[in-house]
All heavy atoms as atom14 arrays in JSON, in Angstrom:
{
  "sequence": "GIVSPAMAAVAVSPTLGAAAQATKPKARPNVLLMICDDLGYGD",
  "atom14_mask": [
    [1, 1, 1, 1, 0, 0, 0, 0, 0, 0, 0, 0, 0, 0],
    [1, 1, 1, 1, 1, 1, 1, 1, 0, 0, 0, 0, 0, 0],
    [1, 1, 1, 1, 1, 1, 1, 0, 0, 0, 0, 0, 0, 0],
    [1, 1, 1, 1, 1, 1, 0, 0, 0, 0, 0, 0, 0, 0],
    [1, 1, 1, 1, 1, 1, 1, 0, 0, 0, 0, 0, 0, 0],
    [1, 1, 1, 1, 1, 0, 0, 0, 0, 0, 0, 0, 0, 0],
    [1, 1, 1, 1, 1, 1, 1, 1, 0, 0, 0, 0, 0, 0],
    [1, 1, 1, 1, 1, 0, 0, 0, 0, 0, 0, 0, 0, 0],
    [1, 1, 1, 1, 1, 0, 0, 0, 0, 0, 0, 0, 0, 0],
    [1, 1, 1, 1, 1, 1, 1, 0, 0, 0, 0, 0, 0, 0],
    [1, 1, 1, 1, 1, 0, 0, 0, 0, 0, 0, 0, 0, 0],
    [1, 1, 1, 1, 1, 1, 1, 0, 0, 0, 0, 0, 0, 0],
    [1, 1, 1, 1, 1, 1, 0, 0, 0, 0, 0, 0, 0, 0],
    [1, 1, 1, 1, 1, 1, 1, 0, 0, 0, 0, 0, 0, 0],
    [1, 1, 1, 1, 1, 1, 1, 0, 0, 0, 0, 0, 0, 0],
    [1, 1, 1, 1, 1, 1, 1, 1, 0, 0, 0, 0, 0, 0],
    [1, 1, 1, 1, 0, 0, 0, 0, 0, 0, 0, 0, 0, 0],
    [1, 1, 1, 1, 1, 0, 0, 0, 0, 0, 0, 0, 0, 0],
    [1, 1, 1, 1, 1, 0, 0, 0, 0, 0, 0, 0, 0, 0],
    [1, 1, 1, 1, 1, 0, 0, 0, 0, 0, 0, 0, 0, 0],
    [1, 1, 1, 1, 1, 1, 1, 1, 1, 0, 0, 0, 0, 0],
    [1, 1, 1, 1, 1, 0, 0, 0, 0, 0, 0, 0, 0, 0],
    [1, 1, 1, 1, 1, 1, 1, 0, 0, 0, 0, 0, 0, 0],
    [1, 1, 1, 1, 1, 1, 1, 1, 1, 0, 0, 0, 0, 0],
    [1, 1, 1, 1, 1, 1, 1, 0, 0, 0, 0, 0, 0, 0],
    [1, 1, 1, 1, 1, 1, 1, 1, 1, 0, 0, 0, 0, 0],
    [1, 1, 1, 1, 1, 0, 0, 0, 0, 0, 0, 0, 0, 0],
    [1, 1, 1, 1, 1, 1, 1, 1, 1, 1, 1, 0, 0, 0],
    [1, 1, 1, 1, 1, 1, 1, 0, 0, 0, 0, 0, 0, 0],
    [1, 1, 1, 1, 1, 1, 1, 1, 0, 0, 0, 0, 0, 0],
    [1, 1, 1, 1, 1, 1, 1, 0, 0, 0, 0, 0, 0, 0],
    [1, 1, 1, 1, 1, 1, 1, 1, 0, 0, 0, 0, 0, 0],
    [1, 1, 1, 1, 1, 1, 1, 1, 0, 0, 0, 0, 0, 0],
    [1, 1, 1, 1, 1, 1, 1, 1, 0, 0, 0, 0, 0, 0],
    [1, 1, 1, 1, 1, 1, 1, 1, 0, 0, 0, 0, 0, 0],
    [1, 1, 1, 1, 1, 1, 0, 0, 0, 0, 0, 0, 0, 0],
    [1, 1, 1, 1, 1, 1, 1, 1, 0, 0, 0, 0, 0, 0],
    [1, 1, 1, 1, 1, 1, 1, 1, 0, 0, 0, 0, 0, 0],
    [1, 1, 1, 1, 1, 1, 1, 1, 0, 0, 0, 0, 0, 0],
    [1, 1, 1, 1, 0, 0, 0, 0, 0, 0, 0, 0, 0, 0],
    [1, 1, 1, 1, 1, 1, 1, 1, 1, 1, 1, 1, 0, 0],
    [1, 1, 1, 1, 0, 0, 0, 0, 0, 0, 0, 0, 0, 0],
    [1, 1, 1, 1, 1, 1, 1, 1, 0, 0, 0, 0, 0, 0]
  ],
  "atom14_positions": [
    [[80.95, 108.69, 135.36], [82.27, 108.51, 134.75], [83.38, 109.25, 135.44], [84.4, 109.52, 134.83], [0.0, 0.0, 0.0], [0.0, 0.0, 0.0], [0.0, 0.0, 0.0], [0.0, 0.0, 0.0], [0.0, 0.0, 0.0], [0.0, 0.0, 0.0], [0.0, 0.0, 0.0], [0.0, 0.0, 0.0], [0.0, 0.0, 0.0], [0.0, 0.0, 0.0]],
    [[83.21, 109.6, 136.71], [84.23, 110.37, 137.41], [85.57, 109.63, 137.39], [86.58, 110.13, 136.97], [83.79, 110.67, 138.85], [82.61, 111.66, 138.82], [84.94, 111.25, 139.66], [82.03, 111.93, 140.18], [0.0, 0.0, 0.0], [0.0, 0.0, 0.0], [0.0, 0.0, 0.0], [0.0, 0.0, 0.0], [0.0, 0.0, 0.0], [0.0, 0.0, 0.0]],
    [[85.59, 108.4, 137.87], [86.8, 107.59, 137.84], [86.41, 106.18, 137.44], [85.55, 105.58, 138.07], [87.51, 107.56, 139.21], [88.73, 106.64, 139.13], [87.91, 108.95, 139.64], [0.0, 0.0, 0.0], [0.0, 0.0, 0.0], [0.0, 0.0, 0.0], [0.0, 0.0, 0.0], [0.0, 0.0, 0.0], [0.0, 0.0, 0.0], [0.0, 0.0, 0.0]],
    [[87.0, 105.69, 136.4], [86.72, 104.34, 135.94], [87.94, 103.47, 136.13], [89.04, 103.86, 135.74], [86.32, 104.36, 134.45], [86.29, 103.06, 133.94], [0.0, 0.0, 0.0], [0.0, 0.0, 0.0], [0.0, 0.0, 0.0], [0.0, 0.0, 0.0], [0.0, 0.0, 0.0], [0.0, 0.0, 0.0], [0.0, 0.0, 0.0], [0.0, 0.0, 0.0]],
    [[87.79, 102.28, 136.72], [88.95, 101.41, 136.9], [89.66, 101.11, 135.58], [90.86, 100.91, 135.55], [88.34, 100.13, 137.5], [87.07, 100.59, 138.15], [86.56, 101.7, 137.29], [0.0, 0.0, 0.0], [0.0, 0.0, 0.0], [0.0, 0.0, 0.0], [0.0, 0.0, 0.0], [0.0, 0.0, 0.0], [0.0, 0.0, 0.0], [0.0, 0.0, 0.0]],
    [[88.89, 101.1, 134.5], [89.5, 100.8, 133.2], [90.44, 101.9, 132.75], [91.27, 101.71, 131.88], [88.41, 100.6, 132.14], [0.0, 0.0, 0.0], [0.0, 0.0, 0.0], [0.0, 0.0, 0.0], [0.0, 0.0, 0.0], [0.0, 0.0, 0.0], [0.0, 0.0, 0.0], [0.0, 0.0, 0.0], [0.0, 0.0, 0.0], [0.0, 0.0, 0.0]],
    [[90.28, 103.13, 133.36], [91.11, 104.26, 132.97], [92.18, 104.53, 134.01], [92.63, 105.64, 134.19], [90.25, 105.51, 132.77], [89.28, 105.39, 131.61], [90.09, 105.08, 130.05], [90.88, 106.66, 129.78], [0.0, 0.0, 0.0], [0.0, 0.0, 0.0], [0.0, 0.0, 0.0], [0.0, 0.0, 0.0], [0.0, 0.0, 0.0], [0.0, 0.0, 0.0]],
    [[92.6, 103.52, 134.76], [93.64, 103.7, 135.77], [94.91, 104.19, 135.11], [95.16, 103.97, 133.93], [93.91, 102.37, 136.49], [0.0, 0.0, 0.0], [0.0, 0.0, 0.0], [0.0, 0.0, 0.0], [0.0, 0.0, 0.0], [0.0, 0.0, 0.0], [0.0, 0.0, 0.0], [0.0, 0.0, 0.0], [0.0, 0.0, 0.0], [0.0, 0.0, 0.0]],
    [[95.75, 104.87, 135.9], [96.98, 105.46, 135.36], [97.84, 104.39, 134.71], [98.03, 103.3, 135.23], [97.75, 106.15, 136.48], [0.0, 0.0, 0.0], [0.0, 0.0, 0.0], [0.0, 0.0, 0.0], [0.0, 0.0, 0.0], [0.0, 0.0, 0.0], [0.0, 0.0, 0.0], [0.0, 0.0, 0.0], [0.0, 0.0, 0.0], [0.0, 0.0, 0.0]],
    [[98.37, 104.74, 133.54], [99.2, 103.81, 132.78], [100.65, 104.22, 132.94], [100.99, 105.4, 132.85], [98.81, 103.86, 131.28], [99.7, 102.93, 130.48], [97.35, 103.49, 131.12], [0.0, 0.0, 0.0], [0.0, 0.0, 0.0], [0.0, 0.0, 0.0], [0.0, 0.0, 0.0], [0.0, 0.0, 0.0], [0.0, 0.0, 0.0], [0.0, 0.0, 0.0]],
    [[101.52, 103.27, 133.2], [102.94, 103.57, 133.35], [103.49, 104.08, 132.03], [103.18, 103.57, 130.96], [103.71, 102.32, 133.77], [0.0, 0.0, 0.0], [0.0, 0.0, 0.0], [0.0, 0.0, 0.0], [0.0, 0.0, 0.0], [0.0, 0.0, 0.0], [0.0, 0.0, 0.0], [0.0, 0.0, 0.0], [0.0, 0.0, 0.0], [0.0, 0.0, 0.0]],
    [[104.33, 105.1, 132.11], [104.88, 105.73, 130.92], [106.37, 105.44, 130.85], [107.08, 105.52, 131.85], [104.64, 107.26, 130.97], [105.2, 107.92, 129.72], [103.15, 107.54, 131.08], [0.0, 0.0, 0.0], [0.0, 0.0, 0.0], [0.0, 0.0, 0.0], [0.0, 0.0, 0.0], [0.0, 0.0, 0.0], [0.0, 0.0, 0.0], [0.0, 0.0, 0.0]],
    [[106.84, 105.1, 129.67], [108.26, 104.82, 129.47], [109.09, 106.03, 129.85], [108.78, 107.15, 129.48], [108.5, 104.48, 128.0], [109.89, 104.44, 127.74], [0.0, 0.0, 0.0], [0.0, 0.0, 0.0], [0.0, 0.0, 0.0], [0.0, 0.0, 0.0], [0.0, 0.0, 0.0], [0.0, 0.0, 0.0], [0.0, 0.0, 0.0], [0.0, 0.0, 0.0]],
    [[110.2, 105.84, 130.59], [111.01, 106.97, 131.0], [111.92, 107.5, 129.9], [112.56, 108.51, 130.08], [111.85, 106.38, 132.15], [111.98, 104.94, 131.8], [110.67, 104.57, 131.15], [0.0, 0.0, 0.0], [0.0, 0.0, 0.0], [0.0, 0.0, 0.0], [0.0, 0.0, 0.0], [0.0, 0.0, 0.0], [0.0, 0.0, 0.0], [0.0, 0.0, 0.0]],
    [[112.01, 106.82, 128.79], [112.88, 107.29, 127.72], [112.12, 107.35, 126.41], [111.07, 106.74, 126.24], [114.09, 106.35, 127.54], [113.61, 105.03, 127.27], [114.94, 106.32, 128.8], [0.0, 0.0, 0.0], [0.0, 0.0, 0.0], [0.0, 0.0, 0.0], [0.0, 0.0, 0.0], [0.0, 0.0, 0.0], [0.0, 0.0, 0.0], [0.0, 0.0, 0.0]],
    [[112.7, 108.08, 125.46], [112.02, 108.28, 124.18], [112.07, 107.03, 123.32], [111.1, 106.7, 122.65], [112.66, 109.46, 123.45], [111.97, 109.89, 122.17], [110.57, 110.36, 122.49], [112.74, 110.99, 121.49], [0.0, 0.0, 0.0], [0.0, 0.0, 0.0], [0.0, 0.0, 0.0], [0.0, 0.0, 0.0], [0.0, 0.0, 0.0], [0.0, 0.0, 0.0]],
    [[113.17, 106.33, 123.32], [113.26, 105.11, 122.52], [113.47, 105.42, 121.05], [113.96, 106.46, 120.66], [0.0, 0.0, 0.0], [0.0, 0.0, 0.0], [0.0, 0.0, 0.0], [0.0, 0.0, 0.0], [0.0, 0.0, 0.0], [0.0, 0.0, 0.0], [0.0, 0.0, 0.0], [0.0, 0.0, 0.0], [0.0, 0.0, 0.0], [0.0, 0.0, 0.0]],
    [[113.05, 104.49, 120.19], [113.29, 104.61, 118.74], [112.45, 105.73, 118.15], [111.46, 106.16, 118.71], [112.95, 103.29, 118.06], [0.0, 0.0, 0.0], [0.0, 0.0, 0.0], [0.0, 0.0, 0.0], [0.0, 0.0, 0.0], [0.0, 0.0, 0.0], [0.0, 0.0, 0.0], [0.0, 0.0, 0.0], [0.0, 0.0, 0.0], [0.0, 0.0, 0.0]],
    [[112.83, 106.18, 116.99], [112.08, 107.22, 116.3], [110.68, 106.73, 115.96], [110.43, 105.54, 115.81], [112.82, 107.62, 115.01], [0.0, 0.0, 0.0], [0.0, 0.0, 0.0], [0.0, 0.0, 0.0], [0.0, 0.0, 0.0], [0.0, 0.0, 0.0], [0.0, 0.0, 0.0], [0.0, 0.0, 0.0], [0.0, 0.0, 0.0], [0.0, 0.0, 0.0]],
    [[109.78, 107.7, 115.86], [108.39, 107.35, 115.57], [108.29, 106.68, 114.2], [108.97, 107.04, 113.25], [107.54, 108.6, 115.6], [0.0, 0.0, 0.0], [0.0, 0.0, 0.0], [0.0, 0.0, 0.0], [0.0, 0.0, 0.0], [0.0, 0.0, 0.0], [0.0, 0.0, 0.0], [0.0, 0.0, 0.0], [0.0, 0.0, 0.0], [0.0, 0.0, 0.0]],
    [[107.39, 105.71, 114.12], [107.13, 105.06, 112.83], [106.02, 105.83, 112.11], [104.9, 105.38, 111.98], [106.7, 103.61, 113.07], [107.76, 102.78, 113.8], [109.05, 102.7, 112.99], [109.01, 102.42, 111.8], [110.17, 102.98, 113.63], [0.0, 0.0, 0.0], [0.0, 0.0, 0.0], [0.0, 0.0, 0.0], [0.0, 0.0, 0.0], [0.0, 0.0, 0.0]],
    [[106.37, 107.06, 111.7], [105.37, 107.93, 111.11], [105.02, 107.47, 109.7], [105.87, 107.06, 108.92], [105.89, 109.37, 111.05], [0.0, 0.0, 0.0], [0.0, 0.0, 0.0], [0.0, 0.0, 0.0], [0.0, 0.0, 0.0], [0.0, 0.0, 0.0], [0.0, 0.0, 0.0], [0.0, 0.0, 0.0], [0.0, 0.0, 0.0], [0.0, 0.0, 0.0]],
    [[103.75, 107.53, 109.4], [103.27, 107.26, 108.05], [102.49, 108.46, 107.57], [102.01, 109.25, 108.35], [102.34, 106.02, 108.05], [101.26, 106.25, 108.95], [103.11, 104.79, 108.49], [0.0, 0.0, 0.0], [0.0, 0.0, 0.0], [0.0, 0.0, 0.0], [0.0, 0.0, 0.0], [0.0, 0.0, 0.0], [0.0, 0.0, 0.0], [0.0, 0.0, 0.0]],
    [[102.39, 108.59, 106.28], [101.68, 109.72, 105.73], [100.19, 109.6, 106.07], [99.58, 108.55, 105.84], [101.85, 109.74, 104.21], [101.27, 111.01, 103.56], [101.6, 111.04, 102.08], [101.06, 112.32, 101.45], [101.37, 112.37, 100.01], [0.0, 0.0, 0.0], [0.0, 0.0, 0.0], [0.0, 0.0, 0.0], [0.0, 0.0, 0.0], [0.0, 0.0, 0.0]],
    [[99.58, 110.65, 106.67], [98.18, 110.55, 107.04], [97.29, 110.41, 105.82], [97.58, 110.93, 104.74], [97.92, 111.89, 107.77], [98.97, 112.81, 107.27], [100.17, 111.96, 106.98], [0.0, 0.0, 0.0], [0.0, 0.0, 0.0], [0.0, 0.0, 0.0], [0.0, 0.0, 0.0], [0.0, 0.0, 0.0], [0.0, 0.0, 0.0], [0.0, 0.0, 0.0]],
    [[96.18, 109.68, 105.99], [95.22, 109.51, 104.9], [94.55, 110.82, 104.55], [94.15, 111.05, 103.42], [94.18, 108.47, 105.3], [94.74, 107.07, 105.51], [93.65, 106.1, 105.95], [94.22, 104.71, 106.18], [93.18, 103.76, 106.66], [0.0, 0.0, 0.0], [0.0, 0.0, 0.0], [0.0, 0.0, 0.0], [0.0, 0.0, 0.0], [0.0, 0.0, 0.0]],
    [[94.39, 111.67, 105.55], [93.8, 112.98, 105.34], [94.45, 113.94, 106.31], [95.11, 113.53, 107.27], [92.28, 112.91, 105.59], [0.0, 0.0, 0.0], [0.0, 0.0, 0.0], [0.0, 0.0, 0.0], [0.0, 0.0, 0.0], [0.0, 0.0, 0.0], [0.0, 0.0, 0.0], [0.0, 0.0, 0.0], [0.0, 0.0, 0.0], [0.0, 0.0, 0.0]],
    [[94.3, 115.22, 106.06], [94.86, 116.19, 106.99], [94.26, 115.95, 108.38], [93.05, 115.77, 108.51], [94.57, 117.6, 106.51], [95.36, 117.98, 105.27], [95.17, 119.44, 104.93], [93.78, 119.74, 104.64], [93.27, 120.97, 104.56], [94.05, 122.0, 104.79], [92.01, 121.15, 104.27], [0.0, 0.0, 0.0], [0.0, 0.0, 0.0], [0.0, 0.0, 0.0]],
    [[95.08, 115.98, 109.41], [94.55, 115.66, 110.74], [93.66, 116.76, 111.3], [93.84, 117.94, 110.98], [95.81, 115.5, 111.58], [96.81, 116.39, 110.92], [96.53, 116.26, 109.44], [0.0, 0.0, 0.0], [0.0, 0.0, 0.0], [0.0, 0.0, 0.0], [0.0, 0.0, 0.0], [0.0, 0.0, 0.0], [0.0, 0.0, 0.0], [0.0, 0.0, 0.0]],
    [[92.7, 116.35, 112.12], [91.98, 117.3, 112.96], [92.92, 117.73, 114.08], [93.92, 117.07, 114.36], [90.74, 116.65, 113.57], [89.86, 115.99, 112.54], [89.44, 116.62, 111.58], [89.57, 114.7, 112.74], [0.0, 0.0, 0.0], [0.0, 0.0, 0.0], [0.0, 0.0, 0.0], [0.0, 0.0, 0.0], [0.0, 0.0, 0.0], [0.0, 0.0, 0.0]],
    [[92.59, 118.82, 114.76], [93.39, 119.29, 115.89], [92.46, 119.63, 117.05], [91.53, 120.43, 116.9], [94.24, 120.52, 115.52], [95.0, 121.03, 116.75], [95.22, 120.18, 114.4], [0.0, 0.0, 0.0], [0.0, 0.0, 0.0], [0.0, 0.0, 0.0], [0.0, 0.0, 0.0], [0.0, 0.0, 0.0], [0.0, 0.0, 0.0], [0.0, 0.0, 0.0]],
    [[92.7, 118.99, 118.2], [92.02, 119.32, 119.45], [93.08, 119.87, 120.39], [93.95, 119.13, 120.85], [91.35, 118.09, 120.05], [90.8, 118.22, 121.48], [89.79, 119.34, 121.59], [90.21, 116.9, 121.97], [0.0, 0.0, 0.0], [0.0, 0.0, 0.0], [0.0, 0.0, 0.0], [0.0, 0.0, 0.0], [0.0, 0.0, 0.0], [0.0, 0.0, 0.0]],
    [[93.02, 121.16, 120.65], [94.0, 121.83, 121.5], [93.3, 122.27, 122.8], [92.44, 123.14, 122.78], [94.58, 123.05, 120.77], [95.49, 124.0, 121.55], [96.63, 123.25, 122.23], [96.03, 125.09, 120.63], [0.0, 0.0, 0.0], [0.0, 0.0, 0.0], [0.0, 0.0, 0.0], [0.0, 0.0, 0.0], [0.0, 0.0, 0.0], [0.0, 0.0, 0.0]],
    [[93.68, 121.64, 123.9], [93.09, 121.95, 125.21], [94.12, 122.67, 126.07], [95.26, 122.21, 126.19], [92.65, 120.65, 125.9], [91.57, 119.88, 125.15], [91.23, 118.25, 125.88], [92.61, 117.29, 125.21], [0.0, 0.0, 0.0], [0.0, 0.0, 0.0], [0.0, 0.0, 0.0], [0.0, 0.0, 0.0], [0.0, 0.0, 0.0], [0.0, 0.0, 0.0]],
    [[93.71, 123.77, 126.66], [94.61, 124.56, 127.5], [93.89, 124.92, 128.8], [92.75, 125.38, 128.79], [95.1, 125.82, 126.75], [96.09, 126.62, 127.62], [93.96, 126.69, 126.28], [96.81, 127.71, 126.85], [0.0, 0.0, 0.0], [0.0, 0.0, 0.0], [0.0, 0.0, 0.0], [0.0, 0.0, 0.0], [0.0, 0.0, 0.0], [0.0, 0.0, 0.0]],
    [[94.56, 124.67, 129.92], [94.0, 125.01, 131.23], [94.48, 126.39, 131.66], [95.41, 126.96, 131.09], [94.44, 123.99, 132.27], [93.74, 122.36, 132.02], [0.0, 0.0, 0.0], [0.0, 0.0, 0.0], [0.0, 0.0, 0.0], [0.0, 0.0, 0.0], [0.0, 0.0, 0.0], [0.0, 0.0, 0.0], [0.0, 0.0, 0.0], [0.0, 0.0, 0.0]],
    [[93.86, 126.91, 132.7], [94.23, 128.2, 133.26], [94.9, 127.97, 134.61], [94.27, 127.5, 135.56], [92.97, 129.06, 133.43], [93.3, 130.54, 133.6], [94.48, 130.87, 133.64], [92.36, 131.34, 133.69], [0.0, 0.0, 0.0], [0.0, 0.0, 0.0], [0.0, 0.0, 0.0], [0.0, 0.0, 0.0], [0.0, 0.0, 0.0], [0.0, 0.0, 0.0]],
    [[96.2, 128.26, 134.7], [96.97, 128.16, 135.96], [97.26, 126.73, 136.39], [97.57, 126.5, 137.56], [96.25, 128.87, 137.12], [96.19, 130.39, 136.97], [96.5, 130.89, 135.89], [95.82, 131.05, 137.95], [0.0, 0.0, 0.0], [0.0, 0.0, 0.0], [0.0, 0.0, 0.0], [0.0, 0.0, 0.0], [0.0, 0.0, 0.0], [0.0, 0.0, 0.0]],
    [[97.18, 125.76, 135.5], [97.55, 124.39, 135.86], [99.06, 124.3, 135.98], [99.79, 124.71, 135.07], [97.05, 123.4, 134.8], [97.31, 121.92, 135.09], [96.38, 121.42, 136.18], [97.15, 121.08, 133.82], [0.0, 0.0, 0.0], [0.0, 0.0, 0.0], [0.0, 0.0, 0.0], [0.0, 0.0, 0.0], [0.0, 0.0, 0.0], [0.0, 0.0, 0.0]],
    [[99.55, 123.76, 137.1], [100.98, 123.7, 137.33], [101.67, 122.54, 136.65], [101.06, 121.51, 136.34], [0.0, 0.0, 0.0], [0.0, 0.0, 0.0], [0.0, 0.0, 0.0], [0.0, 0.0, 0.0], [0.0, 0.0, 0.0], [0.0, 0.0, 0.0], [0.0, 0.0, 0.0], [0.0, 0.0, 0.0], [0.0, 0.0, 0.0], [0.0, 0.0, 0.0]],
    [[102.97, 122.68, 136.46], [103.8, 121.64, 135.86], [103.72, 120.33, 136.64], [103.84, 119.25, 136.06], [105.24, 122.16, 135.82], [106.28, 121.21, 135.3], [106.29, 120.83, 133.97], [107.28, 120.75, 136.14], [107.27, 119.96, 133.49], [108.27, 119.89, 135.67], [108.26, 119.5, 134.35], [109.23, 118.65, 133.88], [0.0, 0.0, 0.0], [0.0, 0.0, 0.0]],
    [[103.48, 120.39, 137.95], [103.43, 119.19, 138.76], [102.04, 118.78, 139.2], [101.89, 118.04, 140.18], [0.0, 0.0, 0.0], [0.0, 0.0, 0.0], [0.0, 0.0, 0.0], [0.0, 0.0, 0.0], [0.0, 0.0, 0.0], [0.0, 0.0, 0.0], [0.0, 0.0, 0.0], [0.0, 0.0, 0.0], [0.0, 0.0, 0.0], [0.0, 0.0, 0.0]],
    [[101.0, 119.23, 138.49], [99.62, 119.0, 138.93], [98.98, 117.74, 138.36], [97.84, 117.43, 138.71], [98.74, 120.2, 138.57], [98.82, 121.32, 139.6], [99.1, 121.02, 140.78], [98.58, 122.49, 139.24], [0.0, 0.0, 0.0], [0.0, 0.0, 0.0], [0.0, 0.0, 0.0], [0.0, 0.0, 0.0], [0.0, 0.0, 0.0], [0.0, 0.0, 0.0]]
  ]
}
Protein backbone atom coordinates (compact mmCIF):
# COMPACT_ATOMS: atom_id res chain seq x y z
CA GLY A 1 0.00 0.00 0.00
CA ILE A 2 2.91 2.38 -0.42
CA VAL A 3 1.30 4.28 -3.30
CA SER A 4 -2.08 3.44 -4.74
CA PRO A 5 -3.30 5.00 -7.99
CA ALA A 6 -6.72 5.32 -6.38
CA MET A 7 -5.17 7.65 -3.77
CA ALA A 8 -3.60 10.05 -6.28
CA ALA A 9 -3.42 13.68 -5.20
CA VAL A 10 -6.77 15.43 -5.36
CA ALA A 11 -7.01 19.04 -6.49
CA VAL A 12 -8.02 21.35 -3.68
CA SER A 13 -10.20 24.41 -4.10
CA PRO A 14 -8.15 27.60 -3.75
CA THR A 15 -10.90 29.42 -1.87
CA LEU A 16 -13.06 28.72 1.13
CA GLY A 17 -16.40 29.19 -0.60
CA ALA A 18 -19.74 29.02 1.23
CA ALA A 19 -20.04 28.37 4.93
CA ALA A 20 -20.02 24.78 6.06
CA GLN A 21 -23.34 22.98 6.08
CA ALA A 22 -22.84 21.86 9.65
CA THR A 23 -25.39 19.60 11.26
CA LYS A 24 -25.63 18.53 14.84
CA PRO A 25 -23.57 15.33 15.30
CA LYS A 26 -25.47 12.17 16.23
CA ALA A 27 -22.92 11.56 18.95
CA ARG A 28 -19.91 13.34 20.34
CA PRO A 29 -17.14 13.00 17.77
CA ASN A 30 -14.03 10.91 18.18
CA VAL A 31 -10.73 12.78 17.80
CA LEU A 32 -7.64 11.54 15.96
CA LEU A 33 -4.84 14.07 16.41
CA MET A 34 -1.64 13.29 14.47
CA ILE A 35 1.47 15.40 14.93
CA CYS A 36 4.84 14.99 13.20
CA ASP A 37 8.26 15.96 14.49
CA ASP A 38 10.02 18.69 12.42
CA LEU A 39 7.70 18.42 9.40
CA GLY A 40 7.99 21.64 7.42
CA TYR A 41 5.21 23.91 6.19
CA GLY A 42 6.21 23.08 2.60
CA ASP A 43 6.80 19.32 2.98
